[in-house]
Amino acid sequence: MDGSAVGVIDGARERYGDLKAQWDEQKAKLEPLLGAELDAFNTLVRESAIPLVIS
């Protein structure tokens, strides 16, 4: 082996763990917004007969 296929180093694994934790936190904040809150907003717009901004 000439050392060109080292694989994932520990520093990269640690950084991935840090970024994954940050992503999980942001994703948890985003999911309700894109789920129930967006559904409620869309229902309100439909019920209020507000015209589309973009068609």
PDB file of N, CA and C in Angstrom:
ATOM      1  N   MET A   1       0.847  -1.173   0.000  1.00  0.00           N
ATOM      2  CA  MET A   1       0.000   0.000   0.000  1.00  0.00           C
ATOM      3  C   MET A   1       0.891   1.235   0.000  1.00  0.00           C
ATOM      4  N   ASP A   2       0.546   2.190  -0.871  1.00  0.00           N
ATOM      5  CA  ASP A   2       1.381   3.388  -1.000  1.00  0.00           C
ATOM      6  C   ASP A   2       0.880   4.574  -0.181  1.00  0.00           C
ATOM      7  N   GLY A   3      -0.187   4.415   0.590  1.00  0.00           N
ATOM      8  CA  GLY A   3      -0.684   5.481   1.441  1.00  0.00           C
ATOM      9  C   GLY A   3      -1.712   6.383   0.776  1.00  0.00           C
ATOM     10  N   SER A   4      -2.044   6.106  -0.483  1.00  0.00           N
ATOM     11  CA  SER A   4      -2.998   6.975  -1.165  1.00  0.00           C
ATOM     12  C   SER A   4      -4.447   6.661  -0.797  1.00  0.00           C
ATOM     13  N   ALA A   5      -4.697   5.524  -0.217  1.00  0.00           N
ATOM     14  CA  ALA A   5      -6.060   5.147   0.178  1.00  0.00           C
ATOM     15  C   ALA A   5      -6.137   5.102   1.702  1.00  0.00           C
ATOM     16  N   VAL A   6      -6.038   6.251   2.322  1.00  0.00           N
ATOM     17  CA  VAL A   6      -5.974   6.342   3.776  1.00  0.00           C
ATOM     18  C   VAL A   6      -7.334   6.109   4.418  1.00  0.00           C
ATOM     19  N   GLY A   7      -8.410   6.579   3.783  1.00  0.00           N
ATOM     20  CA  GLY A   7      -9.728   6.482   4.387  1.00  0.00           C
ATOM     21  C   GLY A   7     -10.054   7.758   5.139  1.00  0.00           C
ATOM     22  N   VAL A   8     -11.086   7.696   5.927  1.00  0.00           N
ATOM     23  CA  VAL A   8     -11.536   8.872   6.674  1.00  0.00           C
ATOM     24  C   VAL A   8     -10.709   9.013   7.945  1.00  0.00           C
ATOM     25  N   ILE A   9     -10.148  10.209   8.126  1.00  0.00           N
ATOM     26  CA  ILE A   9      -9.319  10.429   9.313  1.00  0.00           C
ATOM     27  C   ILE A   9     -10.197  10.848  10.490  1.00  0.00           C
ATOM     28  N   ASP A  10      -9.669  10.720  11.682  1.00  0.00           N
ATOM     29  CA  ASP A  10     -10.430  11.022  12.899  1.00  0.00           C
ATOM     30  C   ASP A  10     -10.930  12.461  12.927  1.00  0.00           C
ATOM     31  N   GLY A  11     -10.132  13.402  12.470  1.00  0.00           N
ATOM     32  CA  GLY A  11     -10.545  14.807  12.457  1.00  0.00           C
ATOM     33  C   GLY A  11     -11.781  15.023  11.589  1.00  0.00           C
ATOM     34  N   ALA A  12     -11.828  14.323  10.465  1.00  0.00           N
ATOM     35  CA  ALA A  12     -12.987  14.442   9.578  1.00  0.00           C
ATOM     36  C   ALA A  12     -14.225  13.841  10.235  1.00  0.00           C
ATOM     37  N   ARG A  13     -14.044  12.738  10.932  1.00  0.00           N
ATOM     38  CA  ARG A  13     -15.175  12.124  11.640  1.00  0.00           C
ATOM     39  C   ARG A  13     -15.708  13.058  12.737  1.00  0.00           C
ATOM     40  N   GLU A  14     -14.804  13.678  13.452  1.00  0.00           N
ATOM     41  CA  GLU A  14     -15.207  14.605  14.515  1.00  0.00           C
ATOM     42  C   GLU A  14     -15.938  15.809  13.932  1.00  0.00           C
ATOM     43  N   ARG A  15     -15.403  16.354  12.838  1.00  0.00           N
ATOM     44  CA  ARG A  15     -16.047  17.509  12.204  1.00  0.00           C
ATOM     45  C   ARG A  15     -17.426  17.132  11.684  1.00  0.00           C
ATOM     46  N   TYR A  16     -17.542  15.961  11.097  1.00  0.00           N
ATOM     47  CA  TYR A  16     -18.842  15.488  10.630  1.00  0.00           C
ATOM     48  C   TYR A  16     -19.825  15.409  11.803  1.00  0.00           C
ATOM     49  N   GLY A  17     -19.376  14.897  12.923  1.00  0.00           N
ATOM     50  CA  GLY A  17     -20.225  14.805  14.109  1.00  0.00           C
ATOM     51  C   GLY A  17     -20.709  16.175  14.561  1.00  0.00           C
ATOM     52  N   ASP A  18     -19.803  17.163  14.542  1.00  0.00           N
ATOM     53  CA  ASP A  18     -20.181  18.536  14.908  1.00  0.00           C
ATOM     54  C   ASP A  18     -21.213  19.098  13.945  1.00  0.00           C
ATOM     55  N   LEU A  19     -20.958  18.946  12.658  1.00  0.00           N
ATOM     56  CA  LEU A  19     -21.874  19.478  11.650  1.00  0.00           C
ATOM     57  C   LEU A  19     -23.217  18.755  11.668  1.00  0.00           C
ATOM     58  N   LYS A  20     -23.181  17.459  11.899  1.00  0.00           N
ATOM     59  CA  LYS A  20     -24.427  16.680  11.964  1.00  0.00           C
ATOM     60  C   LYS A  20     -25.282  17.158  13.128  1.00  0.00           C
ATOM     61  N   ALA A  21     -24.667  17.424  14.268  1.00  0.00           N
ATOM     62  CA  ALA A  21     -25.405  17.920  15.432  1.00  0.00           C
ATOM     63  C   ALA A  21     -26.025  19.281  15.129  1.00  0.00           C
ATOM     64  N   GLN A  22     -25.274  20.154  14.462  1.00  0.00           N
ATOM     65  CA  GLN A  22     -25.809  21.465  14.096  1.00  0.00           C
ATOM     66  C   GLN A  22     -26.962  21.316  13.104  1.00  0.00           C
ATOM     67  N   TRP A  23     -26.810  20.436  12.133  1.00  0.00           N
ATOM     68  CA  TRP A  23     -27.866  20.209  11.142  1.00  0.00           C
ATOM     69  C   TRP A  23     -29.116  19.656  11.820  1.00  0.00           C
ATOM     70  N   ASP A  24     -28.962  18.703  12.701  1.00  0.00           N
ATOM     71  CA  ASP A  24     -30.112  18.113  13.390  1.00  0.00           C
ATOM     72  C   ASP A  24     -30.886  19.179  14.166  1.00  0.00           C
ATOM     73  N   GLU A  25     -30.176  20.103  14.784  1.00  0.00           N
ATOM     74  CA  GLU A  25     -30.812  21.183  15.539  1.00  0.00           C
ATOM     75  C   GLU A  25     -31.608  22.097  14.607  1.00  0.00           C
ATOM     76  N   GLN A  26     -31.009  22.480  13.490  1.00  0.00           N
ATOM     77  CA  GLN A  26     -31.691  23.362  12.543  1.00  0.00           C
ATOM     78  C   GLN A  26     -32.861  22.643  11.861  1.00  0.00           C
ATOM     79  N   LYS A  27     -32.672  21.381  11.557  1.00  0.00           N
ATOM     80  CA  LYS A  27     -33.737  20.592  10.926  1.00  0.00           C
ATOM     81  C   LYS A  27     -34.940  20.482  11.856  1.00  0.00           C
ATOM     82  N   ALA A  28     -34.702  20.312  13.136  1.00  0.00           N
ATOM     83  CA  ALA A  28     -35.790  20.221  14.113  1.00  0.00           C
ATOM     84  C   ALA A  28     -36.581  21.531  14.171  1.00  0.00           C
ATOM     85  N   LYS A  29     -35.922  22.656  13.962  1.00  0.00           N
ATOM     86  CA  LYS A  29     -36.611  23.942  13.935  1.00  0.00           C
ATOM     87  C   LYS A  29     -37.399  24.117  12.633  1.00  0.00           C
ATOM     88  N   LEU A  30     -36.883  23.584  11.554  1.00  0.00           N
ATOM     89  CA  LEU A  30     -37.473  23.766  10.237  1.00  0.00           C
ATOM     90  C   LEU A  30     -38.683  22.869   9.999  1.00  0.00           C
ATOM     91  N   GLU A  31     -38.675  21.666  10.518  1.00  0.00           N
ATOM     92  CA  GLU A  31     -39.741  20.711  10.239  1.00  0.00           C
ATOM     93  C   GLU A  31     -41.131  21.220  10.606  1.00  0.00           C
ATOM     94  N   PRO A  32     -41.345  21.815  11.782  1.00  0.00           N
ATOM     95  CA  PRO A  32     -42.690  22.328  12.078  1.00  0.00           C
ATOM     96  C   PRO A  32     -43.103  23.466  11.129  1.00  0.00           C
ATOM     97  N   LEU A  33     -42.140  24.286  10.753  1.00  0.00           N
ATOM     98  CA  LEU A  33     -42.423  25.402   9.858  1.00  0.00           C
ATOM     99  C   LEU A  33     -42.896  24.899   8.499  1.00  0.00           C
ATOM    100  N   LEU A  34     -42.246  23.887   7.988  1.00  0.00           N
ATOM    101  CA  LEU A  34     -42.613  23.357   6.679  1.00  0.00           C
ATOM    102  C   LEU A  34     -43.745  22.343   6.755  1.00  0.00           C
ATOM    103  N   GLY A  35     -44.153  21.975   7.940  1.00  0.00           N
ATOM    104  CA  GLY A  35     -45.236  21.015   8.117  1.00  0.00           C
ATOM    105  C   GLY A  35     -46.522  21.710   8.494  1.00  0.00           C
ATOM    106  N   ALA A  36     -46.866  21.645   9.754  1.00  0.00           N
ATOM    107  CA  ALA A  36     -48.147  22.143  10.252  1.00  0.00           C
ATOM    108  C   ALA A  36     -48.304  23.650  10.039  1.00  0.00           C
ATOM    109  N   GLU A  37     -47.260  24.417  10.247  1.00  0.00           N
ATOM    110  CA  GLU A  37     -47.382  25.868  10.106  1.00  0.00           C
ATOM    111  C   GLU A  37     -47.612  26.274   8.652  1.00  0.00           C
ATOM    112  N   LEU A  38     -46.938  25.625   7.733  1.00  0.00           N
ATOM    113  CA  LEU A  38     -47.138  25.921   6.316  1.00  0.00           C
ATOM    114  C   LEU A  38     -48.528  25.482   5.871  1.00  0.00           C
ATOM    115  N   ASP A  39     -48.977  24.339   6.344  1.00  0.00           N
ATOM    116  CA  ASP A  39     -50.329  23.874   6.027  1.00  0.00           C
ATOM    117  C   ASP A  39     -51.368  24.877   6.520  1.00  0.00           C
ATOM    118  N   ALA A  40     -51.199  25.372   7.734  1.00  0.00           N
ATOM    119  CA  ALA A  40     -52.135  26.344   8.295  1.00  0.00           C
ATOM    120  C   ALA A  40     -52.109  27.646   7.487  1.00  0.00           C
ATOM    121  N   PHE A  41     -50.938  28.082   7.086  1.00  0.00           N
ATOM    122  CA  PHE A  41     -50.819  29.289   6.273  1.00  0.00           C
ATOM    123  C   PHE A  41     -51.525  29.113   4.933  1.00  0.00           C
ATOM    124  N   ASN A  42     -51.276  27.991   4.274  1.00  0.00           N
ATOM    125  CA  ASN A  42     -51.905  27.731   2.979  1.00  0.00           C
ATOM    126  C   ASN A  42     -53.423  27.665   3.106  1.00  0.00           C
ATOM    127  N   THR A  43     -53.921  27.077   4.165  1.00  0.00           N
ATOM    128  CA  THR A  43     -55.363  27.018   4.395  1.00  0.00           C
ATOM    129  C   THR A  43     -55.922  28.428   4.576  1.00  0.00           C
ATOM    130  N   LEU A  44     -55.258  29.241   5.355  1.00  0.00           N
ATOM    131  CA  LEU A  44     -55.696  30.624   5.576  1.00  0.00           C
ATOM    132  C   LEU A  44     -55.729  31.408   4.260  1.00  0.00           C
ATOM    133  N   VAL A  45     -54.722  31.249   3.442  1.00  0.00           N
ATOM    134  CA  VAL A  45     -54.673  31.945   2.155  1.00  0.00           C
ATOM    135  C   VAL A  45     -55.829  31.487   1.264  1.00  0.00           C
ATOM    136  N   ARG A  46     -56.040  30.173   1.202  1.00  0.00           N
ATOM    137  CA  ARG A  46     -57.143  29.642   0.383  1.00  0.00           C
ATOM    138  C   ARG A  46     -58.491  30.152   0.875  1.00  0.00           C
ATOM    139  N   GLU A  47     -58.717  30.084   2.170  1.00  0.00           N
ATOM    140  CA  GLU A  47     -59.994  30.506   2.741  1.00  0.00           C
ATOM    141  C   GLU A  47     -60.230  32.005   2.599  1.00  0.00           C
ATOM    142  N   SER A  48     -59.159  32.771   2.533  1.00  0.00           N
ATOM    143  CA  SER A  48     -59.279  34.221   2.388  1.00  0.00           C
ATOM    144  C   SER A  48     -59.358  34.644   0.925  1.00  0.00           C
ATOM    145  N   ALA A  49     -59.290  33.690   0.013  1.00  0.00           N
ATOM    146  CA  ALA A  49     -59.343  33.949  -1.429  1.00  0.00           C
ATOM    147  C   ALA A  49     -58.301  34.963  -1.867  1.00  0.00           C
ATOM    148  N   ILE A  50     -57.116  34.866  -1.312  1.00  0.00           N
ATOM    149  CA  ILE A  50     -56.011  35.741  -1.703  1.00  0.00           C
ATOM    150  C   ILE A  50     -55.423  35.200  -3.010  1.00  0.00           C
ATOM    151  N   PRO A  51     -55.290  36.065  -4.032  1.00  0.00           N
ATOM    152  CA  PRO A  51     -54.759  35.566  -5.313  1.00  0.00           C
ATOM    153  C   PRO A  51     -53.286  35.176  -5.193  1.00  0.00           C
ATOM    154  N   LEU A  52     -52.887  34.286  -6.087  1.00  0.00           N
ATOM    155  CA  LEU A  52     -51.506  33.839  -6.118  1.00  0.00           C
ATOM    156  C   LEU A  52     -50.579  34.976  -6.534  1.00  0.00           C
ATOM    157  N   VAL A  53     -49.430  35.040  -5.919  1.00  0.00           N
ATOM    158  CA  VAL A  53     -48.422  36.009  -6.316  1.00  0.00           C
ATOM    159  C   VAL A  53     -47.691  35.492  -7.547  1.00  0.00           C
ATOM    160  N   ILE A  54     -47.416  34.195  -7.547  1.00  0.00           N
ATOM    161  CA  ILE A  54     -46.742  33.535  -8.663  1.00  0.00           C
ATOM    162  C   ILE A  54     -47.627  32.397  -9.119  1.00  0.00           C
ATOM    163  N   SER A  55     -47.839  32.300 -10.405  1.00  0.00           N
ATOM    164  CA  SER A  55     -48.677  31.187 -10.904  1.00  0.00           C
ATOM    165  C   SER A  55     -47.883  30.267 -11.783  1.00  0.00           C
TER     166      SER A  55
END
